[in-house]
Amino acid sequence: MNKINFEEIEKHIRGILIALGDDPDREGLRETPARVAKMYGEVFEGMNYTNAEIAEMFNRSFEDGFSHGENDIVVVKDIEAFSYCEHHLALMYDMKVTIAYIPKGKVLGLSKIARIADMAAKRLQLQERLGADIAEIIQIASGSEDVAVFIEANHSCMTARGIKKPSAKTVTSTLRGRFDMDSDLRDKLYFQIK
């Protein structure tokens, strides 16, 4: 994937400041283009990697040494994250991500699950695609097809502009494998995450 080009970001942020009618050479704005470029490098770090590369980065797993039942579920709830909507470059905030999977002979390190959610969120995203990206990365890293991802977030493109509905939350679910096909297993998962 393409690496982030800091010089181009600085140049364009400077242009945006001019287009807004401000002076990018005034005291308060002189270093803003460089600061924004540095911030973008951090908050969009995930754009440097494919889903497969993220899975490889965070696939630390443990042979668990015990036998799982076919419906045993690992859930990590309420992972805090944020992202930016690709439509307005607006912040998606107060985001909570819940990830569930059924282990297949190994378990992922719990912090790796949170890191996967974090890195996938560090892209220009749609919430729906973020859930699909996280599910795919967890599938690759865990070797399990049975993955579920739930995301709840506020979108500043709805809360701070446009329709301006500050209490509106967007909730998405991504179900893969048996979580998608087996309603009893899905009900068990819903009970577990409530």
N, C-alpha and C. Protein backbone atom coordinates (compact mmCIF):
# COMPACT_ATOMS: atom_id res chain seq x y z
N MET A 1 0.85 -1.19 0.00
CA MET A 1 0.00 0.00 0.00
C MET A 1 0.89 1.25 0.00
N ASN A 2 0.27 2.37 -0.32
CA ASN A 2 1.03 3.62 -0.36
C ASN A 2 1.38 4.10 1.04
N LYS A 3 2.56 4.63 1.16
CA LYS A 3 2.95 5.24 2.43
C LYS A 3 2.44 6.67 2.45
N ILE A 4 2.21 7.18 3.62
CA ILE A 4 1.69 8.54 3.78
C ILE A 4 2.77 9.54 3.35
N ASN A 5 2.39 10.52 2.53
CA ASN A 5 3.31 11.53 2.02
C ASN A 5 3.13 12.82 2.84
N PHE A 6 4.00 13.02 3.82
CA PHE A 6 3.88 14.15 4.74
C PHE A 6 4.05 15.49 4.04
N GLU A 7 4.96 15.58 3.08
CA GLU A 7 5.19 16.84 2.37
C GLU A 7 3.95 17.27 1.61
N GLU A 8 3.29 16.32 0.96
CA GLU A 8 2.07 16.65 0.22
C GLU A 8 0.95 17.10 1.16
N ILE A 9 0.85 16.44 2.31
CA ILE A 9 -0.18 16.84 3.29
C ILE A 9 0.08 18.28 3.73
N GLU A 10 1.32 18.61 4.07
CA GLU A 10 1.66 19.97 4.50
C GLU A 10 1.27 20.99 3.43
N LYS A 11 1.64 20.69 2.19
CA LYS A 11 1.35 21.61 1.08
C LYS A 11 -0.16 21.84 0.96
N HIS A 12 -0.94 20.77 1.05
CA HIS A 12 -2.38 20.91 0.86
C HIS A 12 -3.07 21.55 2.06
N ILE A 13 -2.59 21.29 3.26
CA ILE A 13 -3.16 21.94 4.44
C ILE A 13 -2.90 23.44 4.36
N ARG A 14 -1.70 23.79 3.94
CA ARG A 14 -1.39 25.23 3.74
C ARG A 14 -2.40 25.83 2.74
N GLY A 15 -2.66 25.12 1.64
CA GLY A 15 -3.64 25.59 0.65
C GLY A 15 -5.03 25.71 1.23
N ILE A 16 -5.43 24.78 2.08
CA ILE A 16 -6.75 24.85 2.72
C ILE A 16 -6.84 26.09 3.60
N LEU A 17 -5.79 26.37 4.35
CA LEU A 17 -5.79 27.56 5.21
C LEU A 17 -5.96 28.83 4.37
N ILE A 18 -5.29 28.89 3.24
CA ILE A 18 -5.43 30.03 2.34
C ILE A 18 -6.86 30.08 1.79
N ALA A 19 -7.39 28.91 1.37
CA ALA A 19 -8.75 28.86 0.83
C ALA A 19 -9.79 29.27 1.86
N LEU A 20 -9.50 29.06 3.13
CA LEU A 20 -10.41 29.49 4.20
C LEU A 20 -10.31 30.99 4.47
N GLY A 21 -9.35 31.66 3.81
CA GLY A 21 -9.20 33.10 3.97
C GLY A 21 -8.27 33.50 5.09
N ASP A 22 -7.46 32.56 5.56
CA ASP A 22 -6.53 32.88 6.65
C ASP A 22 -5.12 32.96 6.10
N ASP A 23 -4.22 33.42 6.94
CA ASP A 23 -2.82 33.59 6.57
C ASP A 23 -2.00 32.47 7.19
N PRO A 24 -1.54 31.50 6.42
CA PRO A 24 -0.78 30.38 6.98
C PRO A 24 0.59 30.79 7.54
N ASP A 25 0.99 32.05 7.30
CA ASP A 25 2.27 32.52 7.83
C ASP A 25 2.12 33.28 9.13
N ARG A 26 0.88 33.43 9.60
CA ARG A 26 0.73 34.12 10.89
C ARG A 26 1.16 33.21 12.03
N GLU A 27 1.43 33.81 13.17
CA GLU A 27 2.02 33.10 14.31
C GLU A 27 1.30 31.80 14.66
N GLY A 28 0.01 31.83 14.82
CA GLY A 28 -0.72 30.65 15.27
C GLY A 28 -0.82 29.52 14.25
N LEU A 29 -0.60 29.85 12.98
CA LEU A 29 -0.77 28.85 11.92
C LEU A 29 0.54 28.41 11.27
N ARG A 30 1.63 29.05 11.58
CA ARG A 30 2.88 28.80 10.89
C ARG A 30 3.27 27.32 10.89
N GLU A 31 3.07 26.65 12.00
CA GLU A 31 3.47 25.24 12.10
C GLU A 31 2.30 24.27 11.93
N THR A 32 1.11 24.82 11.67
CA THR A 32 -0.08 23.97 11.55
C THR A 32 0.04 22.92 10.45
N PRO A 33 0.49 23.26 9.24
CA PRO A 33 0.59 22.21 8.22
C PRO A 33 1.47 21.03 8.65
N ALA A 34 2.59 21.30 9.30
CA ALA A 34 3.47 20.21 9.77
C ALA A 34 2.82 19.43 10.90
N ARG A 35 2.12 20.13 11.79
CA ARG A 35 1.43 19.44 12.89
C ARG A 35 0.33 18.54 12.36
N VAL A 36 -0.44 19.03 11.39
CA VAL A 36 -1.54 18.23 10.82
C VAL A 36 -0.96 17.01 10.09
N ALA A 37 0.13 17.20 9.36
CA ALA A 37 0.75 16.07 8.65
C ALA A 37 1.20 15.01 9.65
N LYS A 38 1.80 15.44 10.74
CA LYS A 38 2.25 14.48 11.77
C LYS A 38 1.04 13.76 12.38
N MET A 39 -0.02 14.52 12.67
CA MET A 39 -1.23 13.92 13.24
C MET A 39 -1.83 12.92 12.25
N TYR A 40 -1.91 13.28 10.97
CA TYR A 40 -2.47 12.37 9.97
C TYR A 40 -1.64 11.09 9.87
N GLY A 41 -0.32 11.22 10.00
CA GLY A 41 0.52 10.03 9.98
C GLY A 41 0.16 9.07 11.10
N GLU A 42 -0.24 9.63 12.24
CA GLU A 42 -0.63 8.82 13.40
C GLU A 42 -2.04 8.26 13.26
N VAL A 43 -3.02 9.13 12.97
CA VAL A 43 -4.41 8.68 12.99
C VAL A 43 -4.80 7.88 11.75
N PHE A 44 -3.98 7.96 10.68
CA PHE A 44 -4.25 7.19 9.47
C PHE A 44 -3.18 6.13 9.23
N GLU A 45 -2.50 5.71 10.27
CA GLU A 45 -1.43 4.72 10.15
C GLU A 45 -1.90 3.44 9.46
N GLY A 46 -3.13 3.03 9.71
CA GLY A 46 -3.66 1.80 9.14
C GLY A 46 -3.73 1.81 7.63
N MET A 47 -3.68 2.99 7.01
CA MET A 47 -3.74 3.09 5.55
C MET A 47 -2.46 2.57 4.90
N ASN A 48 -1.41 2.39 5.72
CA ASN A 48 -0.14 1.88 5.21
C ASN A 48 -0.14 0.36 5.05
N TYR A 49 -1.20 -0.32 5.51
CA TYR A 49 -1.19 -1.78 5.57
C TYR A 49 -2.47 -2.38 5.00
N THR A 50 -2.34 -3.54 4.39
CA THR A 50 -3.51 -4.31 3.97
C THR A 50 -4.07 -5.06 5.18
N ASN A 51 -5.26 -5.61 5.04
CA ASN A 51 -5.81 -6.43 6.12
C ASN A 51 -4.90 -7.61 6.43
N ALA A 52 -4.34 -8.24 5.39
CA ALA A 52 -3.44 -9.38 5.60
C ALA A 52 -2.18 -8.96 6.36
N GLU A 53 -1.66 -7.79 6.06
CA GLU A 53 -0.46 -7.31 6.77
C GLU A 53 -0.77 -7.00 8.23
N ILE A 54 -1.95 -6.45 8.50
CA ILE A 54 -2.34 -6.20 9.89
C ILE A 54 -2.50 -7.53 10.63
N ALA A 55 -3.10 -8.51 9.99
CA ALA A 55 -3.24 -9.83 10.61
C ALA A 55 -1.88 -10.42 10.93
N GLU A 56 -0.93 -10.26 10.03
CA GLU A 56 0.43 -10.76 10.27
C GLU A 56 1.10 -10.02 11.43
N MET A 57 0.87 -8.72 11.54
CA MET A 57 1.46 -7.91 12.62
C MET A 57 0.96 -8.36 14.00
N PHE A 58 -0.32 -8.73 14.06
CA PHE A 58 -0.95 -8.98 15.35
C PHE A 58 -1.49 -10.40 15.48
N ASN A 59 -0.83 -11.38 14.88
CA ASN A 59 -1.36 -12.74 14.92
C ASN A 59 -0.77 -13.57 16.05
N ARG A 60 -0.19 -12.94 17.04
CA ARG A 60 0.38 -13.66 18.18
C ARG A 60 -0.72 -14.50 18.81
N SER A 61 -0.53 -15.80 18.75
CA SER A 61 -1.55 -16.69 19.31
C SER A 61 -0.87 -17.70 20.22
N PHE A 62 -1.70 -18.38 20.97
CA PHE A 62 -1.22 -19.36 21.94
C PHE A 62 -1.93 -20.67 21.68
N GLU A 63 -1.16 -21.73 21.60
CA GLU A 63 -1.78 -23.05 21.57
C GLU A 63 -2.39 -23.22 22.94
N ASP A 64 -3.68 -23.42 22.99
CA ASP A 64 -4.35 -23.34 24.28
C ASP A 64 -4.27 -24.61 25.12
N GLY A 65 -3.89 -25.72 24.55
CA GLY A 65 -3.66 -26.92 25.36
C GLY A 65 -4.91 -27.58 25.89
N PHE A 66 -6.06 -27.08 25.56
CA PHE A 66 -7.28 -27.76 25.97
C PHE A 66 -8.26 -27.77 24.81
N SER A 67 -9.20 -28.62 24.91
CA SER A 67 -10.13 -28.82 23.81
C SER A 67 -11.31 -27.88 23.95
N HIS A 68 -11.62 -27.15 22.88
CA HIS A 68 -12.77 -26.25 22.88
C HIS A 68 -13.99 -26.99 22.41
N GLY A 69 -15.12 -26.61 23.00
CA GLY A 69 -16.39 -27.05 22.44
C GLY A 69 -16.62 -26.29 21.15
N GLU A 70 -17.42 -26.86 20.28
CA GLU A 70 -17.60 -26.22 18.97
C GLU A 70 -18.34 -24.90 19.06
N ASN A 71 -18.95 -24.61 20.22
CA ASN A 71 -19.66 -23.34 20.39
C ASN A 71 -19.04 -22.46 21.47
N ASP A 72 -17.79 -22.74 21.87
CA ASP A 72 -17.10 -21.87 22.84
C ASP A 72 -16.75 -20.56 22.15
N ILE A 73 -17.04 -19.45 22.83
CA ILE A 73 -16.87 -18.13 22.22
C ILE A 73 -15.91 -17.29 23.07
N VAL A 74 -14.97 -16.64 22.41
CA VAL A 74 -14.12 -15.63 23.05
C VAL A 74 -14.67 -14.27 22.65
N VAL A 75 -14.91 -13.41 23.63
CA VAL A 75 -15.44 -12.07 23.36
C VAL A 75 -14.57 -11.03 24.05
N VAL A 76 -14.19 -10.00 23.31
CA VAL A 76 -13.55 -8.82 23.90
C VAL A 76 -14.51 -7.67 23.62
N LYS A 77 -15.04 -7.09 24.71
CA LYS A 77 -16.09 -6.08 24.61
C LYS A 77 -15.54 -4.67 24.82
N ASP A 78 -16.26 -3.72 24.25
CA ASP A 78 -16.07 -2.30 24.53
C ASP A 78 -14.64 -1.81 24.30
N ILE A 79 -14.04 -2.23 23.20
CA ILE A 79 -12.74 -1.71 22.81
C ILE A 79 -12.95 -0.28 22.32
N GLU A 80 -12.32 0.66 22.96
CA GLU A 80 -12.48 2.06 22.55
C GLU A 80 -11.62 2.34 21.33
N ALA A 81 -12.21 3.01 20.36
CA ALA A 81 -11.49 3.36 19.14
C ALA A 81 -12.11 4.62 18.56
N PHE A 82 -11.47 5.15 17.54
CA PHE A 82 -12.04 6.25 16.77
C PHE A 82 -11.57 6.07 15.34
N SER A 83 -12.29 6.73 14.43
CA SER A 83 -11.92 6.67 13.03
C SER A 83 -12.39 7.95 12.38
N TYR A 84 -12.15 8.05 11.06
CA TYR A 84 -12.58 9.21 10.30
C TYR A 84 -13.41 8.75 9.12
N CYS A 85 -14.59 9.34 8.98
CA CYS A 85 -15.50 9.03 7.89
C CYS A 85 -14.89 9.48 6.57
N GLU A 86 -14.92 8.63 5.59
CA GLU A 86 -14.33 8.97 4.30
C GLU A 86 -15.16 9.97 3.51
N HIS A 87 -16.40 10.19 3.89
CA HIS A 87 -17.25 11.12 3.14
C HIS A 87 -16.97 12.58 3.48
N HIS A 88 -16.70 12.87 4.76
CA HIS A 88 -16.48 14.26 5.19
C HIS A 88 -15.15 14.45 5.93
N LEU A 89 -14.36 13.39 6.04
CA LEU A 89 -13.16 13.41 6.90
C LEU A 89 -13.54 13.80 8.32
N ALA A 90 -14.73 13.41 8.73
CA ALA A 90 -15.26 13.76 10.04
C ALA A 90 -14.99 12.62 11.03
N LEU A 91 -14.82 13.00 12.27
CA LEU A 91 -14.48 12.05 13.32
C LEU A 91 -15.66 11.14 13.64
N MET A 92 -15.38 9.83 13.75
CA MET A 92 -16.30 8.87 14.34
C MET A 92 -15.76 8.65 15.76
N TYR A 93 -16.54 8.99 16.76
CA TYR A 93 -16.02 9.04 18.13
C TYR A 93 -16.92 8.28 19.10
N ASP A 94 -16.46 8.20 20.35
CA ASP A 94 -17.15 7.39 21.36
C ASP A 94 -17.46 6.01 20.80
N MET A 95 -16.52 5.49 20.03
CA MET A 95 -16.70 4.20 19.36
C MET A 95 -16.37 3.07 20.33
N LYS A 96 -17.25 2.09 20.36
CA LYS A 96 -17.04 0.87 21.13
C LYS A 96 -17.12 -0.31 20.16
N VAL A 97 -16.08 -1.11 20.15
CA VAL A 97 -16.00 -2.27 19.27
C VAL A 97 -16.03 -3.53 20.13
N THR A 98 -16.88 -4.47 19.77
CA THR A 98 -16.92 -5.78 20.42
C THR A 98 -16.59 -6.82 19.36
N ILE A 99 -15.64 -7.69 19.69
CA ILE A 99 -15.18 -8.72 18.75
C ILE A 99 -15.35 -10.08 19.41
N ALA A 100 -15.93 -11.02 18.67
CA ALA A 100 -16.10 -12.39 19.16
C ALA A 100 -15.61 -13.36 18.08
N TYR A 101 -15.04 -14.47 18.55
CA TYR A 101 -14.66 -15.53 17.61
C TYR A 101 -14.68 -16.86 18.33
N ILE A 102 -14.78 -17.94 17.56
CA ILE A 102 -14.71 -19.29 18.10
C ILE A 102 -13.32 -19.82 17.78
N PRO A 103 -12.50 -20.10 18.81
CA PRO A 103 -11.12 -20.56 18.56
C PRO A 103 -11.07 -21.89 17.82
N LYS A 104 -10.04 -22.02 17.01
CA LYS A 104 -9.78 -23.26 16.27
C LYS A 104 -8.40 -23.78 16.66
N GLY A 105 -8.26 -24.26 17.89
CA GLY A 105 -7.00 -24.86 18.33
C GLY A 105 -5.97 -23.87 18.85
N LYS A 106 -6.24 -22.57 18.71
CA LYS A 106 -5.34 -21.55 19.26
C LYS A 106 -6.18 -20.33 19.61
N VAL A 107 -5.66 -19.52 20.51
CA VAL A 107 -6.35 -18.29 20.89
C VAL A 107 -5.42 -17.12 20.62
N LEU A 108 -6.01 -16.02 20.19
CA LEU A 108 -5.24 -14.79 19.98
C LEU A 108 -4.97 -14.13 21.32
N GLY A 109 -3.82 -13.46 21.42
CA GLY A 109 -3.57 -12.64 22.60
C GLY A 109 -4.64 -11.56 22.68
N LEU A 110 -5.19 -11.33 23.86
CA LEU A 110 -6.30 -10.39 23.99
C LEU A 110 -5.92 -8.99 23.54
N SER A 111 -4.71 -8.56 23.86
CA SER A 111 -4.30 -7.21 23.43
C SER A 111 -4.20 -7.14 21.91
N LYS A 112 -3.91 -8.26 21.27
CA LYS A 112 -3.81 -8.26 19.81
C LYS A 112 -5.18 -8.00 19.18
N ILE A 113 -6.23 -8.49 19.80
CA ILE A 113 -7.57 -8.24 19.30
C ILE A 113 -7.87 -6.74 19.33
N ALA A 114 -7.53 -6.09 20.44
CA ALA A 114 -7.74 -4.64 20.55
C ALA A 114 -6.86 -3.89 19.56
N ARG A 115 -5.63 -4.35 19.35
CA ARG A 115 -4.73 -3.68 18.40
C ARG A 115 -5.24 -3.81 16.97
N ILE A 116 -5.85 -4.94 16.65
CA ILE A 116 -6.43 -5.11 15.32
C ILE A 116 -7.55 -4.10 15.10
N ALA A 117 -8.43 -3.95 16.08
CA ALA A 117 -9.52 -2.98 15.97
C ALA A 117 -8.96 -1.57 15.79
N ASP A 118 -7.95 -1.24 16.57
CA ASP A 118 -7.32 0.08 16.51
C ASP A 118 -6.71 0.36 15.14
N MET A 119 -5.94 -0.59 14.63
CA MET A 119 -5.24 -0.36 13.37
C MET A 119 -6.22 -0.29 12.19
N ALA A 120 -7.25 -1.13 12.20
CA ALA A 120 -8.24 -1.08 11.12
C ALA A 120 -9.01 0.24 11.14
N ALA A 121 -9.19 0.81 12.34
CA ALA A 121 -9.89 2.09 12.47
C ALA A 121 -9.04 3.26 11.99
N LYS A 122 -7.73 3.08 11.92
CA LYS A 122 -6.83 4.18 11.53
C LYS A 122 -6.74 4.28 10.01
N ARG A 123 -7.89 4.39 9.40
CA ARG A 123 -8.04 4.55 7.96
C ARG A 123 -9.23 5.46 7.72
N LEU A 124 -9.30 6.04 6.53
CA LEU A 124 -10.56 6.66 6.14
C LEU A 124 -11.54 5.51 5.99
N GLN A 125 -12.65 5.58 6.70
CA GLN A 125 -13.51 4.41 6.82
C GLN A 125 -14.98 4.75 6.68
N LEU A 126 -15.75 3.74 6.44
CA LEU A 126 -17.18 3.69 6.71
C LEU A 126 -17.32 2.71 7.86
N GLN A 127 -18.24 2.95 8.76
CA GLN A 127 -18.38 2.06 9.91
C GLN A 127 -18.67 0.64 9.46
N GLU A 128 -19.47 0.50 8.41
CA GLU A 128 -19.81 -0.83 7.90
C GLU A 128 -18.56 -1.55 7.39
N ARG A 129 -17.69 -0.84 6.68
CA ARG A 129 -16.47 -1.46 6.17
C ARG A 129 -15.50 -1.75 7.32
N LEU A 130 -15.47 -0.89 8.32
CA LEU A 130 -14.60 -1.14 9.46
C LEU A 130 -14.94 -2.48 10.11
N GLY A 131 -16.23 -2.77 10.30
CA GLY A 131 -16.62 -4.06 10.85
C GLY A 131 -16.17 -5.22 9.98
N ALA A 132 -16.33 -5.06 8.66
CA ALA A 132 -15.91 -6.11 7.72
C ALA A 132 -14.40 -6.29 7.73
N ASP A 133 -13.65 -5.18 7.79
CA ASP A 133 -12.18 -5.26 7.84
C ASP A 133 -11.72 -5.98 9.11
N ILE A 134 -12.28 -5.60 10.25
CA ILE A 134 -11.88 -6.24 11.51
C ILE A 134 -12.20 -7.73 11.45
N ALA A 135 -13.39 -8.08 10.96
CA ALA A 135 -13.76 -9.50 10.87
C ALA A 135 -12.77 -10.26 10.00
N GLU A 136 -12.42 -9.70 8.85
CA GLU A 136 -11.47 -10.39 7.96
C GLU A 136 -10.10 -10.55 8.61
N ILE A 137 -9.64 -9.52 9.28
CA ILE A 137 -8.32 -9.60 9.94
C ILE A 137 -8.34 -10.65 11.05
N ILE A 138 -9.40 -10.67 11.84
CA ILE A 138 -9.52 -11.68 12.92
C ILE A 138 -9.58 -13.08 12.30
N GLN A 139 -10.29 -13.25 11.21
CA GLN A 139 -10.35 -14.56 10.55
C GLN A 139 -8.95 -15.01 10.13
N ILE A 140 -8.20 -14.12 9.52
CA ILE A 140 -6.84 -14.47 9.07
C ILE A 140 -5.94 -14.79 10.26
N ALA A 141 -5.97 -13.91 11.26
CA ALA A 141 -5.05 -14.06 12.40
C ALA A 141 -5.38 -15.27 13.26
N SER A 142 -6.67 -15.59 13.41
CA SER A 142 -7.07 -16.68 14.32
C SER A 142 -7.23 -18.02 13.61
N GLY A 143 -7.39 -17.98 12.29
CA GLY A 143 -7.67 -19.22 11.56
C GLY A 143 -9.10 -19.68 11.71
N SER A 144 -9.96 -18.85 12.29
CA SER A 144 -11.37 -19.20 12.50
C SER A 144 -12.24 -18.43 11.52
N GLU A 145 -13.18 -19.11 10.92
CA GLU A 145 -14.14 -18.43 10.04
C GLU A 145 -15.27 -17.80 10.85
N ASP A 146 -15.40 -18.21 12.11
CA ASP A 146 -16.55 -17.82 12.95
C ASP A 146 -16.20 -16.57 13.75
N VAL A 147 -16.56 -15.41 13.20
CA VAL A 147 -16.20 -14.12 13.79
C VAL A 147 -17.42 -13.21 13.76
N ALA A 148 -17.55 -12.41 14.81
CA ALA A 148 -18.60 -11.39 14.86
C ALA A 148 -17.99 -10.08 15.36
N VAL A 149 -18.41 -8.98 14.77
CA VAL A 149 -17.92 -7.64 15.17
C VAL A 149 -19.13 -6.73 15.31
N PHE A 150 -19.22 -6.05 16.44
CA PHE A 150 -20.28 -5.08 16.70
C PHE A 150 -19.61 -3.74 16.98
N ILE A 151 -20.13 -2.69 16.35
CA ILE A 151 -19.57 -1.36 16.54
C ILE A 151 -20.70 -0.39 16.81
N GLU A 152 -20.50 0.46 17.82
CA GLU A 152 -21.42 1.55 18.11
C GLU A 152 -20.59 2.82 18.15
N ALA A 153 -21.02 3.88 17.44
CA ALA A 153 -20.24 5.11 17.39
C ALA A 153 -21.12 6.32 17.10
N ASN A 154 -20.62 7.47 17.50
CA ASN A 154 -21.17 8.75 17.09
C ASN A 154 -20.38 9.22 15.88
N HIS A 155 -21.05 9.91 14.97
CA HIS A 155 -20.41 10.43 13.77
C HIS A 155 -20.55 11.95 13.77
N SER A 156 -19.43 12.65 13.79
CA SER A 156 -19.52 14.11 13.85
C SER A 156 -20.12 14.69 12.57
N CYS A 157 -20.13 13.92 11.48
CA CYS A 157 -20.80 14.41 10.26
C CYS A 157 -22.31 14.46 10.47
N MET A 158 -22.83 13.78 11.51
CA MET A 158 -24.25 13.86 11.86
C MET A 158 -24.50 14.70 13.11
N THR A 159 -23.52 14.71 14.02
CA THR A 159 -23.75 15.37 15.31
C THR A 159 -23.35 16.84 15.31
N ALA A 160 -22.32 17.22 14.55
CA ALA A 160 -21.79 18.59 14.60
C ALA A 160 -22.12 19.41 13.36
N ARG A 161 -22.61 18.78 12.31
CA ARG A 161 -22.94 19.48 11.07
C ARG A 161 -24.19 18.83 10.47
N GLY A 162 -24.61 19.33 9.35
CA GLY A 162 -25.75 18.72 8.67
C GLY A 162 -26.99 18.70 9.54
N ILE A 163 -27.48 17.52 9.83
CA ILE A 163 -28.72 17.37 10.59
C ILE A 163 -28.56 17.73 12.07
N LYS A 164 -27.34 17.69 12.59
CA LYS A 164 -27.00 18.09 13.97
C LYS A 164 -27.87 17.37 15.01
N LYS A 165 -27.72 16.06 15.05
CA LYS A 165 -28.43 15.23 16.03
C LYS A 165 -27.39 14.61 16.96
N PRO A 166 -27.02 15.31 18.05
CA PRO A 166 -25.90 14.88 18.88
C PRO A 166 -26.10 13.56 19.62
N SER A 167 -27.34 13.11 19.78
CA SER A 167 -27.53 11.84 20.50
C SER A 167 -27.63 10.64 19.57
N ALA A 168 -27.58 10.88 18.27
CA ALA A 168 -27.70 9.77 17.31
C ALA A 168 -26.44 8.91 17.31
N LYS A 169 -26.61 7.62 17.46
CA LYS A 169 -25.52 6.65 17.40
C LYS A 169 -25.78 5.72 16.23
N THR A 170 -24.70 5.24 15.64
CA THR A 170 -24.80 4.25 14.59
C THR A 170 -24.31 2.92 15.14
N VAL A 171 -25.09 1.87 14.94
CA VAL A 171 -24.75 0.54 15.43
C VAL A 171 -24.70 -0.40 14.23
N THR A 172 -23.58 -1.11 14.10
CA THR A 172 -23.44 -2.07 13.00
C THR A 172 -23.01 -3.42 13.55
N SER A 173 -23.39 -4.46 12.83
CA SER A 173 -22.94 -5.81 13.19
C SER A 173 -22.44 -6.49 11.93
N THR A 174 -21.36 -7.24 12.09
CA THR A 174 -20.77 -8.01 11.00
C THR A 174 -20.67 -9.44 11.50
N LEU A 175 -21.34 -10.36 10.83
CA LEU A 175 -21.38 -11.76 11.26
C LEU A 175 -20.78 -12.63 10.16
N ARG A 176 -19.84 -13.47 10.55
CA ARG A 176 -19.18 -14.36 9.60
C ARG A 176 -19.26 -15.79 10.10
N GLY A 177 -19.23 -16.73 9.18
CA GLY A 177 -19.23 -18.14 9.53
C GLY A 177 -20.51 -18.54 10.23
N ARG A 178 -20.36 -19.33 11.30
CA ARG A 178 -21.53 -19.86 11.99
C ARG A 178 -22.32 -18.78 12.73
N PHE A 179 -21.69 -17.65 13.09
CA PHE A 179 -22.46 -16.57 13.70
C PHE A 179 -23.51 -16.04 12.72
N ASP A 180 -23.23 -16.13 11.45
CA ASP A 180 -24.17 -15.68 10.43
C ASP A 180 -25.23 -16.74 10.15
N MET A 181 -24.86 -18.03 10.20
CA MET A 181 -25.76 -19.10 9.76
C MET A 181 -26.53 -19.79 10.88
N ASP A 182 -26.02 -19.77 12.12
CA ASP A 182 -26.61 -20.54 13.21
C ASP A 182 -27.30 -19.58 14.19
N SER A 183 -28.63 -19.53 14.13
CA SER A 183 -29.37 -18.58 14.97
C SER A 183 -29.24 -18.89 16.46
N ASP A 184 -29.11 -20.16 16.84
CA ASP A 184 -28.93 -20.50 18.26
C ASP A 184 -27.59 -19.98 18.77
N LEU A 185 -26.54 -20.16 17.97
CA LEU A 185 -25.22 -19.65 18.35
C LEU A 185 -25.23 -18.13 18.41
N ARG A 186 -25.89 -17.50 17.48
CA ARG A 186 -26.00 -16.04 17.45
C ARG A 186 -26.74 -15.55 18.69
N ASP A 187 -27.82 -16.25 19.08
CA ASP A 187 -28.55 -15.87 20.29
C ASP A 187 -27.66 -16.01 21.52
N LYS A 188 -26.86 -17.07 21.57
CA LYS A 188 -25.93 -17.26 22.69
C LYS A 188 -24.94 -16.09 22.75
N LEU A 189 -24.46 -15.67 21.58
CA LEU A 189 -23.52 -14.55 21.54
C LEU A 189 -24.21 -13.27 22.01
N TYR A 190 -25.40 -12.99 21.53
CA TYR A 190 -26.11 -11.78 21.94
C TYR A 190 -26.33 -11.76 23.43
N PHE A 191 -26.66 -12.91 24.01
CA PHE A 191 -26.84 -13.00 25.47
C PHE A 191 -25.52 -12.71 26.17
N GLN A 192 -24.42 -13.22 25.64
CA GLN A 192 -23.11 -13.06 26.28
C GLN A 192 -22.62 -11.61 26.24
N ILE A 193 -22.94 -10.87 25.19
CA ILE A 193 -22.39 -9.52 25.08
C ILE A 193 -23.27 -8.46 25.73
N LYS A 194 -24.47 -8.81 26.11
CA LYS A 194 -25.36 -7.82 26.75
C LYS A 194 -24.88 -7.46 28.12
